[in-house]
């Protein structure tokens, strides 16, 4: 089944990009393109669910949502603080994000919907993203994987696990820190890190352990770029449908004059791959009707969502 209905205008998302420092409103907007009358029959897996930010919001929107996480206790710990709050109030509190009126309307319905009570009637299913997930094949219409893929050692295994539990044509909304924003490109050139305020090392990049120390919460130790994510999505059974606008990087906006040399370098760097692709296709390495990916990649790489956003949000389809 299709889990989308109408398309949220890019102008609204762009304005929210300027106003919001959180990525969650954009993921919520993406999911709430599903019409309200289809949400109850849309099974959504929230993986990793963490403290339930999206699970609570999606349940309030009417989705049949299943949270799952390596640390299921995080969501249970968040439930007491949610009592007596509205869905909008809890979402604002958990994300520290503004919720524009149009998003409230798309999410919860008309203006009266903004008083919808928070719905925390969900239980987390324990799971490891790098192990077989405890769900049947083709169990879900959609999966949201928010800031999870950069925490796992084997992203191919994780994406293959996710694909197995999704229906063909299902929707994956996946987010990760954007390594190809202009700010991140410059910081990587200078310091080898995506920002000048973060650092990957073997001690401070471990963000936690379970009480028995058998479960490790790896931090941003396995960051991946658009190129790597695209490659893994393709080979694990997904096709990119759309890049979503997300929270804008002010530093990247100030560095916008670098967009022109980035465009030139991107065009130049694709030339050998284009020639190799044409040669291999002619030699029968893949079917002759296989489309080359470079035009789409070029459009993605030079899009505002890529150059100016702090977070990469990819909307993909299970094929």
Protein backbone atom coordinates (compact mmCIF):
# COMPACT_ATOMS: atom_id res chain seq x y z
CA UNK A 1 0.00 0.00 0.00
CA UNK A 2 1.10 3.56 -0.61
CA UNK A 3 1.85 5.44 2.60
CA UNK A 4 1.85 8.90 1.08
CA UNK A 5 -1.00 11.11 0.01
CA UNK A 6 -0.24 14.73 -0.87
CA UNK A 7 3.12 16.48 -0.96
CA UNK A 8 3.98 19.18 1.56
CA UNK A 9 5.12 22.30 -0.34
CA UNK A 10 8.88 22.83 -0.30
CA UNK A 11 8.36 26.46 0.72
CA UNK A 12 6.83 25.41 4.02
CA UNK A 13 9.71 23.06 4.70
CA UNK A 14 12.27 25.72 3.79
CA UNK A 15 10.70 28.20 6.24
CA UNK A 16 10.68 25.53 8.94
CA UNK A 17 14.36 24.83 8.14
CA UNK A 18 15.24 28.37 9.13
CA UNK A 19 13.15 28.32 12.29
CA UNK A 20 13.94 24.85 13.67
CA UNK A 21 17.17 23.45 15.07
CA UNK A 22 15.61 20.00 15.43
CA UNK A 23 15.26 17.36 12.72
CA UNK A 24 12.14 15.75 14.25
CA UNK A 25 9.54 18.14 12.79
CA UNK A 26 10.75 17.24 9.30
CA UNK A 27 10.49 13.49 9.89
CA UNK A 28 7.03 14.02 11.37
CA UNK A 29 6.03 16.10 8.35
CA UNK A 30 7.27 13.35 6.02
CA UNK A 31 5.23 10.69 7.77
CA UNK A 32 2.14 12.86 8.00
CA UNK A 33 1.84 13.10 4.24
CA UNK A 34 -0.08 9.85 4.78
CA UNK A 35 -3.79 10.81 4.83
CA UNK A 36 -5.50 10.42 8.24
CA UNK A 37 -7.89 7.76 6.96
CA UNK A 38 -4.94 5.50 6.03
CA UNK A 39 -2.87 5.94 9.17
CA UNK A 40 -4.65 3.39 11.33
CA UNK A 41 -3.86 0.64 8.80
CA UNK A 42 -0.26 1.80 8.29
CA UNK A 43 2.14 -0.23 10.40
CA UNK A 44 5.24 1.81 11.25
CA UNK A 45 8.43 0.56 12.87
CA UNK A 46 10.33 3.22 14.83
CA UNK A 47 13.91 1.92 14.96
CA UNK A 48 15.76 2.96 17.06
CA UNK A 49 12.96 4.46 19.12
CA UNK A 50 15.08 5.92 21.94
CA UNK A 51 12.91 7.90 24.33
CA UNK A 52 9.83 7.60 22.12
CA UNK A 53 9.83 11.08 20.58
CA UNK A 54 8.50 9.85 17.23
CA UNK A 55 6.60 6.86 18.57
CA UNK A 56 4.47 9.08 20.80
CA UNK A 57 3.92 11.61 18.00
CA UNK A 58 3.02 8.99 15.40
CA UNK A 59 0.64 7.26 17.78
CA UNK A 60 -1.10 10.59 18.41
CA UNK A 61 -1.38 11.00 14.62
CA UNK A 62 -3.21 7.68 14.38
CA UNK A 63 -0.49 5.37 13.07
CA UNK A 64 -0.08 1.77 14.21
CA UNK A 65 3.45 2.28 15.49
CA UNK A 66 5.87 -0.22 17.03
CA UNK A 67 8.91 1.21 18.84
CA UNK A 68 12.04 -0.95 18.97
CA UNK A 69 15.44 -0.26 20.49
CA UNK A 70 18.59 -1.81 21.92
CA UNK A 71 17.77 0.10 25.11
CA UNK A 72 14.00 -0.35 25.58
CA UNK A 73 14.24 1.19 29.03
CA UNK A 74 14.73 4.66 27.50
CA UNK A 75 11.13 4.86 26.30
CA UNK A 76 9.74 3.51 29.57
CA UNK A 77 11.71 6.14 31.47
CA UNK A 78 10.13 8.87 29.31
CA UNK A 79 6.51 7.84 29.93
CA UNK A 80 5.99 9.30 33.44
CA UNK A 81 7.03 12.78 32.29
CA UNK A 82 4.48 12.65 29.46
CA UNK A 83 1.45 12.30 31.68
CA UNK A 84 -1.10 15.11 31.39
CA UNK A 85 0.57 16.76 28.39
CA UNK A 86 -0.82 17.38 24.94
CA UNK A 87 0.81 15.73 21.94
CA UNK A 88 2.09 19.12 20.74
CA UNK A 89 3.33 20.10 24.19
CA UNK A 90 5.19 16.82 24.68
CA UNK A 91 6.72 16.99 21.21
CA UNK A 92 7.93 20.54 21.82
CA UNK A 93 9.36 19.55 25.20
CA UNK A 94 11.19 16.49 23.90
CA UNK A 95 12.58 18.09 20.73
CA UNK A 96 12.88 21.74 21.80
CA UNK A 97 11.43 22.49 18.39
CA UNK A 98 8.81 24.92 17.18
CA UNK A 99 5.70 23.31 15.71
CA UNK A 100 4.19 25.63 13.08
CA UNK A 101 0.43 25.70 12.81
CA UNK A 102 0.38 24.01 9.40
CA UNK A 103 2.35 21.05 10.79
CA UNK A 104 -0.03 20.70 13.73
CA UNK A 105 -2.92 20.67 11.28
CA UNK A 106 -1.30 18.04 9.04
CA UNK A 107 -0.28 15.99 12.06
CA UNK A 108 -3.35 16.15 14.29
CA UNK A 109 -6.06 17.61 12.10
CA UNK A 110 -7.81 20.95 12.47
CA UNK A 111 -6.85 23.52 15.10
CA UNK A 112 -8.81 21.71 17.81
CA UNK A 113 -6.46 18.77 17.27
CA UNK A 114 -3.66 20.72 18.93
CA UNK A 115 -5.27 19.84 22.25
CA UNK A 116 -4.96 16.12 21.49
CA UNK A 117 -3.60 14.35 24.59
CA UNK A 118 -0.20 12.74 24.32
CA UNK A 119 -0.55 9.02 23.59
CA UNK A 120 2.16 6.95 25.25
CA UNK A 121 0.30 3.65 24.98
CA UNK A 122 3.20 1.90 23.25
CA UNK A 123 5.67 -0.69 24.46
CA UNK A 124 9.19 -1.05 23.13
CA UNK A 125 10.24 -4.31 21.50
CA UNK A 126 13.89 -5.03 22.41
CA UNK A 127 16.08 -5.44 19.32
CA UNK A 128 19.59 -5.09 17.99
CA UNK A 129 19.77 -3.33 14.62
CA UNK A 130 22.69 -5.55 13.61
CA UNK A 131 20.94 -8.82 14.49
CA UNK A 132 17.79 -10.43 13.03
CA UNK A 133 14.86 -8.22 14.02
CA UNK A 134 12.11 -9.94 16.05
CA UNK A 135 9.41 -9.33 13.43
CA UNK A 136 7.93 -11.33 10.58
CA UNK A 137 8.86 -10.74 6.96
CA UNK A 138 6.97 -7.85 5.30
CA UNK A 139 5.41 -6.85 8.62
CA UNK A 140 5.61 -3.05 8.17
CA UNK A 141 4.41 -0.49 5.66
CA UNK A 142 7.01 2.06 6.79
CA UNK A 143 10.13 2.33 8.91
CA UNK A 144 11.58 5.47 10.47
CA UNK A 145 15.26 5.20 11.35
CA UNK A 146 16.23 8.50 12.96
CA UNK A 147 19.90 9.05 13.81
CA UNK A 148 20.56 5.33 14.07
CA UNK A 149 22.56 4.19 11.06
CA UNK A 150 25.70 6.08 12.14
CA UNK A 151 25.74 4.13 15.43
CA UNK A 152 26.06 0.64 13.91
CA UNK A 153 29.20 -1.17 12.76
CA UNK A 154 27.60 -3.03 9.85
CA UNK A 155 25.14 -0.79 8.03
CA UNK A 156 24.54 -3.37 5.27
CA UNK A 157 23.34 -5.89 7.82
CA UNK A 158 21.15 -3.26 9.46
CA UNK A 159 19.55 -2.14 6.20
CA UNK A 160 19.05 -5.75 5.10
CA UNK A 161 17.34 -6.47 8.42
CA UNK A 162 15.08 -3.47 7.90
CA UNK A 163 14.28 -4.44 4.31
CA UNK A 164 13.23 -7.95 5.35
CA UNK A 165 10.52 -6.66 7.68
CA UNK A 166 9.16 -4.15 5.12
CA UNK A 167 6.51 -4.75 2.49
CA UNK A 168 7.55 -4.22 -1.14
CA UNK A 169 6.86 -0.60 -1.95
CA UNK A 170 7.17 0.29 1.73
CA UNK A 171 8.72 3.54 2.84
CA UNK A 172 11.95 4.09 4.76
CA UNK A 173 12.66 7.53 6.20
CA UNK A 174 16.25 7.50 7.41
CA UNK A 175 18.31 10.35 8.87
CA UNK A 176 21.97 10.80 9.66
CA UNK A 177 24.33 13.76 10.24
CA UNK A 178 25.05 15.38 6.89
CA UNK A 179 28.74 15.03 6.01
CA UNK A 180 28.32 16.94 2.74
CA UNK A 181 26.99 20.25 3.97
CA UNK A 182 29.37 23.08 3.13
CA UNK A 183 30.26 23.46 6.81
CA UNK A 184 31.06 19.75 7.15
CA UNK A 185 33.14 19.71 3.96
CA UNK A 186 35.27 22.60 5.23
CA UNK A 187 35.63 21.14 8.74
CA UNK A 188 36.66 17.78 7.28
CA UNK A 189 39.26 19.45 5.08
CA UNK A 190 40.70 21.31 8.06
CA UNK A 191 40.33 18.88 10.97
CA UNK A 192 39.21 15.56 9.51
CA UNK A 193 35.97 15.77 11.52
CA UNK A 194 32.51 16.79 10.33
CA UNK A 195 32.43 19.77 12.71
CA UNK A 196 35.03 21.63 14.75
CA UNK A 197 32.97 20.96 17.89
CA UNK A 198 32.91 17.17 17.81
CA UNK A 199 35.54 14.47 17.85
CA UNK A 200 35.60 10.71 17.36
CA UNK A 201 37.82 8.75 19.72
CA UNK A 202 37.68 5.36 21.40
CA UNK A 203 36.57 6.73 24.77
CA UNK A 204 34.26 9.72 24.49
CA UNK A 205 32.51 8.26 21.43
CA UNK A 206 31.02 5.50 23.59
CA UNK A 207 27.81 7.12 24.80
CA UNK A 208 26.69 4.48 27.26
CA UNK A 209 26.38 0.89 28.43
CA UNK A 210 23.55 -1.24 29.72
CA UNK A 211 23.73 -1.92 33.47
CA UNK A 212 25.32 -5.32 32.81
CA UNK A 213 27.65 -3.73 30.21
CA UNK A 214 26.64 -6.24 27.53
CA UNK A 215 25.04 -3.57 25.36
CA UNK A 216 27.19 -0.70 24.06
CA UNK A 217 25.69 2.57 22.88
CA UNK A 218 28.19 3.63 20.24
CA UNK A 219 28.12 7.34 19.51
CA UNK A 220 28.81 8.83 16.07
CA UNK A 221 31.62 6.35 15.52
CA UNK A 222 30.39 5.11 12.14
CA UNK A 223 29.36 8.28 10.31
CA UNK A 224 28.46 7.82 6.65
CA UNK A 225 28.06 10.20 3.75
CA UNK A 226 25.34 10.41 1.11
CA UNK A 227 27.55 8.35 -1.22
CA UNK A 228 27.92 5.49 1.24
CA UNK A 229 24.29 5.57 2.29
CA UNK A 230 23.10 5.59 -1.32
CA UNK A 231 25.37 2.64 -2.12
CA UNK A 232 24.13 0.62 0.86
CA UNK A 233 20.47 1.44 0.22
CA UNK A 234 20.77 0.25 -3.39
CA UNK A 235 22.45 -3.04 -2.50
CA UNK A 236 20.03 -3.74 0.37
CA UNK A 237 16.87 -3.35 -1.68
CA UNK A 238 15.95 0.34 -1.60
CA UNK A 239 15.62 3.21 -4.06
CA UNK A 240 15.89 6.87 -3.04
CA UNK A 241 12.69 8.79 -3.72
CA UNK A 242 13.45 12.18 -2.21
CA UNK A 243 15.75 14.21 -0.01
CA UNK A 244 13.91 16.22 2.63
CA UNK A 245 14.79 19.68 3.82
CA UNK A 246 15.87 19.64 7.45
CA UNK A 247 17.45 21.94 10.02
CA UNK A 248 19.65 24.47 8.25
CA UNK A 249 23.29 25.03 9.16
CA UNK A 250 23.94 28.76 9.63
CA UNK A 251 27.64 28.21 8.99
CA UNK A 252 26.86 26.56 5.66
CA UNK A 253 24.66 29.48 4.69
CA UNK A 254 27.51 31.90 5.41
CA UNK A 255 29.82 29.73 3.32
CA UNK A 256 27.45 29.67 0.32
CA UNK A 257 30.05 31.21 -2.07
CA UNK A 258 31.79 27.82 -1.92
CA UNK A 259 28.79 26.22 -3.66
CA UNK A 260 30.13 27.14 -7.11
CA UNK A 261 33.53 25.41 -6.77
CA UNK A 262 31.76 22.46 -5.11
CA UNK A 263 29.48 22.18 -8.16
CA UNK A 264 32.47 22.28 -10.52
CA UNK A 265 34.37 19.66 -8.51
CA UNK A 266 31.27 17.43 -8.34
CA UNK A 267 30.82 17.59 -12.12
CA UNK A 268 34.50 16.91 -12.73
CA UNK A 269 34.67 13.98 -10.29
CA UNK A 270 31.73 12.23 -11.96
CA UNK A 271 33.39 12.10 -15.39
CA UNK A 272 35.49 8.92 -14.87
CA UNK A 273 32.54 7.08 -13.30
CA UNK A 274 30.26 8.04 -16.20
CA UNK A 275 32.75 6.69 -18.72
CA UNK A 276 33.25 3.50 -16.71
CA UNK A 277 29.49 3.01 -16.37
CA UNK A 278 28.95 3.39 -20.13
CA UNK A 279 31.78 0.94 -20.89
CA UNK A 280 30.54 -1.66 -18.41
CA UNK A 281 26.94 -1.34 -19.61
CA UNK A 282 28.04 -1.82 -23.22
CA UNK A 283 30.01 -4.89 -22.15
CA UNK A 284 26.91 -6.40 -20.53
CA UNK A 285 27.95 -5.98 -16.90
CA UNK A 286 24.35 -4.97 -16.21
CA UNK A 287 21.17 -4.79 -18.32
CA UNK A 288 21.27 -2.24 -21.17
CA UNK A 289 18.16 -0.48 -19.84
CA UNK A 290 19.87 0.25 -16.49
CA UNK A 291 19.67 4.02 -16.01
CA UNK A 292 22.82 5.83 -15.04
CA UNK A 293 22.57 7.44 -11.58
CA UNK A 294 24.75 10.49 -12.11
CA UNK A 295 22.15 13.09 -13.05
CA UNK A 296 20.09 12.29 -9.96
CA UNK A 297 23.21 12.23 -7.81
CA UNK A 298 24.33 15.59 -9.17
CA UNK A 299 20.91 17.09 -8.39
CA UNK A 300 21.02 15.68 -4.86
CA UNK A 301 24.58 16.80 -4.20
CA UNK A 302 23.91 20.38 -5.28
CA UNK A 303 20.49 20.67 -3.64
CA UNK A 304 19.89 23.05 -0.72
CA UNK A 305 18.99 19.99 1.38
CA UNK A 306 22.52 18.70 0.90
CA UNK A 307 24.61 21.88 0.94
CA UNK A 308 22.89 23.80 3.71
CA UNK A 309 21.23 21.26 6.04
CA UNK A 310 22.89 19.87 9.15
CA UNK A 311 20.98 16.58 8.86
CA UNK A 312 20.52 14.36 5.81
CA UNK A 313 16.96 13.02 5.57
CA UNK A 314 16.49 10.37 2.88
CA UNK A 315 13.06 9.10 1.83
CA UNK A 316 13.50 5.67 0.22
CA UNK A 317 11.25 2.96 -1.18
CA UNK A 318 11.62 -0.79 -0.65
CA UNK A 319 11.94 -2.45 -4.09
